[in-house]
Amino acid sequence: MSIAQSLLPEFDQEMANTRKVLERVPDGKWNWKPHDKSGTLGWLAAHVGTVPGWYTMTLQTENLDYAPVDGPSYTPPKIENTRQLLAAFDKESAEARAALSKASDGDFQKNWTLLAGGKEIFTLPRIACLRGMVMNHMIHHRAQLTVYLRLLNVPVPGLYGPSADEQ
C-alpha cells in the first residue's frame, strides 16, 4: 500500500469531522472571542477551514516563505461568514484530497521548508510536515474551535464518538 493510500482514510475522517464543526459556527458571533489574547471566532474558523489547502501547497512546492524580505507577506483568504467558510473548506479539502491521492511515495519523502524572511524555520520530509504541521495543526485548532462553540452554547458535534450534546 502506498503512503497516500494509507493516509486517505484518516484524511477523509478528519475532513468530515472538521466540516461538522465548521457547520456550527454562528454568523452572528463572527467577531466574538473568549479572551483579549484570543483570536476571534471568525478568524479561528477561517484558519481551520483553510488549513486543508496546506496539503496541496506542501505537495506542490518545495518551500514557503510566509514573510519574504522582497515581497508581501502571506495573507490568508478573507472569509466573512459561514457560507464562505464552508465553500472555502470544501474547495480546499477536495483539492487537497486530489493532490494527496496522486502523490507518490517519493513525493512524500522529499524535504519541504518553511521560511520567514528568508530564514529557515524548519525543513522536514513532506510526510512529516503533512502529519505534524498540517493535520495535527488543524486538529489542534479545531479543538479550540469546539471550546469556543461550547462557550457560546452552540451544540458541539461528536467527532470520535458522541459529544455531551449528542448523547
Protein backbone atom coordinates (compact mmCIF):
# COMPACT_ATOMS: atom_id res chain seq x y z
CA MET A 1 0.00 0.00 0.00
CA SER A 2 1.32 3.45 -0.90
CA ILE A 3 1.80 6.22 1.64
CA ALA A 4 -1.03 8.19 0.02
CA GLN A 5 -3.42 5.24 0.21
CA SER A 6 -2.57 4.74 3.88
CA LEU A 7 -3.25 8.43 4.65
CA LEU A 8 -6.55 8.80 2.79
CA PRO A 9 -8.86 7.10 5.35
CA GLU A 10 -7.58 9.37 8.14
CA PHE A 11 -7.74 12.39 5.85
CA ASP A 12 -11.35 11.64 4.95
CA GLN A 13 -12.35 11.12 8.59
CA GLU A 14 -10.68 14.31 9.79
CA MET A 15 -12.12 16.41 6.96
CA ALA A 16 -15.63 15.08 7.74
CA ASN A 17 -15.14 15.86 11.44
CA THR A 18 -13.80 19.31 10.65
CA ARG A 19 -16.75 20.12 8.40
CA LYS A 20 -19.17 19.09 11.18
CA VAL A 21 -17.53 21.66 13.46
CA LEU A 22 -17.37 24.41 10.83
CA GLU A 23 -21.08 23.96 10.03
CA ARG A 24 -21.88 25.02 13.61
CA VAL A 25 -20.05 28.37 13.52
CA PRO A 26 -22.73 31.04 14.01
CA ASP A 27 -22.54 34.05 11.68
CA GLY A 28 -23.78 36.42 14.38
CA LYS A 29 -20.76 35.73 16.58
CA TRP A 30 -18.01 36.10 13.95
CA ASN A 31 -16.19 38.79 15.99
CA TRP A 32 -16.64 37.11 19.38
CA LYS A 33 -13.58 35.96 21.31
CA PRO A 34 -13.30 34.35 24.75
CA HIS A 35 -10.37 36.46 25.94
CA ASP A 36 -8.46 39.57 24.89
CA LYS A 37 -5.45 37.42 23.94
CA SER A 38 -7.58 35.05 21.83
CA GLY A 39 -8.40 35.32 18.16
CA THR A 40 -11.98 35.93 17.11
CA LEU A 41 -14.33 33.07 16.32
CA GLY A 42 -14.30 34.13 12.66
CA TRP A 43 -10.51 34.20 12.49
CA LEU A 44 -10.19 30.79 14.14
CA ALA A 45 -12.90 29.22 11.97
CA ALA A 46 -11.32 30.64 8.80
CA HIS A 47 -7.93 29.33 9.88
CA VAL A 48 -9.30 25.83 10.48
CA GLY A 49 -11.26 25.98 7.25
CA THR A 50 -8.26 26.85 5.10
CA VAL A 51 -5.61 24.57 6.61
CA PRO A 52 -6.51 21.77 4.13
CA GLY A 53 -5.01 23.98 1.41
CA TRP A 54 -1.66 23.47 3.10
CA TYR A 55 -1.75 19.84 1.93
CA THR A 56 -1.88 20.97 -1.68
CA MET A 57 0.77 23.64 -1.17
CA THR A 58 3.13 21.28 0.64
CA LEU A 59 2.80 18.60 -2.03
CA GLN A 60 3.19 21.03 -4.94
CA THR A 61 6.01 23.25 -3.67
CA GLU A 62 9.40 22.86 -2.02
CA ASN A 63 9.01 25.70 0.48
CA LEU A 64 7.01 28.66 1.70
CA ASP A 65 8.41 31.96 2.90
CA TYR A 66 5.44 33.49 4.70
CA ALA A 67 7.22 36.83 5.23
CA PRO A 68 9.66 37.29 2.33
CA VAL A 69 12.02 40.25 2.59
CA ASP A 70 11.44 41.22 -1.05
CA GLY A 71 7.67 40.84 -1.29
CA PRO A 72 4.36 40.83 0.51
CA SER A 73 3.76 38.55 3.47
CA TYR A 74 1.30 35.69 3.26
CA THR A 75 -2.24 36.89 3.86
CA PRO A 76 -4.98 34.35 4.48
CA PRO A 77 -8.14 34.48 2.39
CA LYS A 78 -10.78 36.89 3.66
CA ILE A 79 -13.73 34.85 4.92
CA GLU A 80 -16.62 36.77 6.43
CA ASN A 81 -19.37 34.24 7.14
CA THR A 82 -20.15 30.57 7.49
CA ARG A 83 -21.31 30.19 3.87
CA GLN A 84 -17.93 31.46 2.61
CA LEU A 85 -16.18 29.34 5.23
CA LEU A 86 -17.82 26.11 4.08
CA ALA A 87 -17.24 26.95 0.41
CA ALA A 88 -13.53 27.57 1.07
CA PHE A 89 -13.21 24.42 3.17
CA ASP A 90 -14.99 22.23 0.60
CA LYS A 91 -12.81 23.58 -2.22
CA GLU A 92 -9.52 23.29 -0.33
CA SER A 93 -10.25 19.85 1.13
CA ALA A 94 -11.25 18.49 -2.33
CA GLU A 95 -8.08 19.91 -3.89
CA ALA A 96 -6.01 18.52 -1.01
CA ARG A 97 -7.54 15.06 -1.38
CA ALA A 98 -6.79 15.10 -5.12
CA ALA A 99 -3.16 16.16 -4.50
CA LEU A 100 -2.77 13.55 -1.77
CA SER A 101 -4.28 10.80 -3.95
CA LYS A 102 -1.83 11.30 -6.77
CA ALA A 103 1.33 11.84 -4.70
CA SER A 104 3.97 9.13 -4.99
CA ASP A 105 5.92 7.69 -2.10
CA GLY A 106 8.92 9.62 -3.44
CA ASP A 107 6.93 12.88 -3.26
CA PHE A 108 6.31 12.28 0.46
CA GLN A 109 9.99 11.65 1.13
CA LYS A 110 11.20 14.95 -0.39
CA ASN A 111 12.03 17.73 2.02
CA TRP A 112 9.82 20.77 2.47
CA THR A 113 10.98 24.00 4.13
CA LEU A 114 9.13 26.75 5.99
CA LEU A 115 10.88 30.13 5.91
CA ALA A 116 10.29 33.54 7.48
CA GLY A 117 12.13 36.47 5.97
CA GLY A 118 14.43 34.07 4.14
CA LYS A 119 15.40 32.32 7.39
CA GLU A 120 14.64 28.63 7.77
CA ILE A 121 12.09 27.77 10.45
CA PHE A 122 12.23 24.05 9.69
CA THR A 123 12.91 21.51 6.98
CA LEU A 124 11.12 18.18 7.17
CA PRO A 125 10.25 15.37 4.81
CA ARG A 126 6.85 16.22 3.32
CA ILE A 127 5.20 13.29 5.11
CA ALA A 128 6.34 14.66 8.49
CA CYS A 129 5.23 18.15 7.52
CA LEU A 130 1.81 16.90 6.42
CA ARG A 131 1.29 14.92 9.62
CA GLY A 132 2.73 17.49 12.03
CA MET A 133 2.30 20.95 10.60
CA VAL A 134 -0.87 20.29 8.63
CA MET A 135 -3.07 17.52 10.07
CA ASN A 136 -2.12 17.92 13.73
CA HIS A 137 -2.25 21.70 13.39
CA MET A 138 -5.79 21.53 12.00
CA ILE A 139 -6.93 19.13 14.74
CA HIS A 140 -5.41 21.38 17.42
CA HIS A 141 -7.23 24.48 16.20
CA ARG A 142 -10.44 22.52 15.56
CA ALA A 143 -10.36 21.54 19.24
CA GLN A 144 -10.01 25.20 20.19
CA LEU A 145 -12.97 25.96 17.96
CA THR A 146 -15.12 23.39 19.78
CA VAL A 147 -14.32 25.17 23.06
CA TYR A 148 -15.45 28.47 21.51
CA LEU A 149 -18.68 26.77 20.42
CA ARG A 150 -19.22 25.36 23.93
CA LEU A 151 -18.70 28.81 25.48
CA LEU A 152 -21.30 30.20 23.05
CA ASN A 153 -23.78 27.44 23.96
CA VAL A 154 -23.64 26.05 20.42
CA PRO A 155 -24.09 22.25 20.46
CA VAL A 156 -20.72 20.60 19.83
CA PRO A 157 -20.79 17.72 17.35
CA GLY A 158 -19.38 14.33 18.23
CA LEU A 159 -16.09 13.72 16.47
CA TYR A 160 -14.73 10.40 17.75
CA GLY A 161 -17.99 9.29 19.31
CA PRO A 162 -20.91 11.23 20.74
CA SER A 163 -20.38 14.60 22.39
CA ALA A 164 -22.14 15.77 25.55
CA ASP A 165 -24.67 17.36 23.19
CA GLU A 166 -25.32 14.17 21.23
CA GLN A 167 -25.97 11.53 23.88
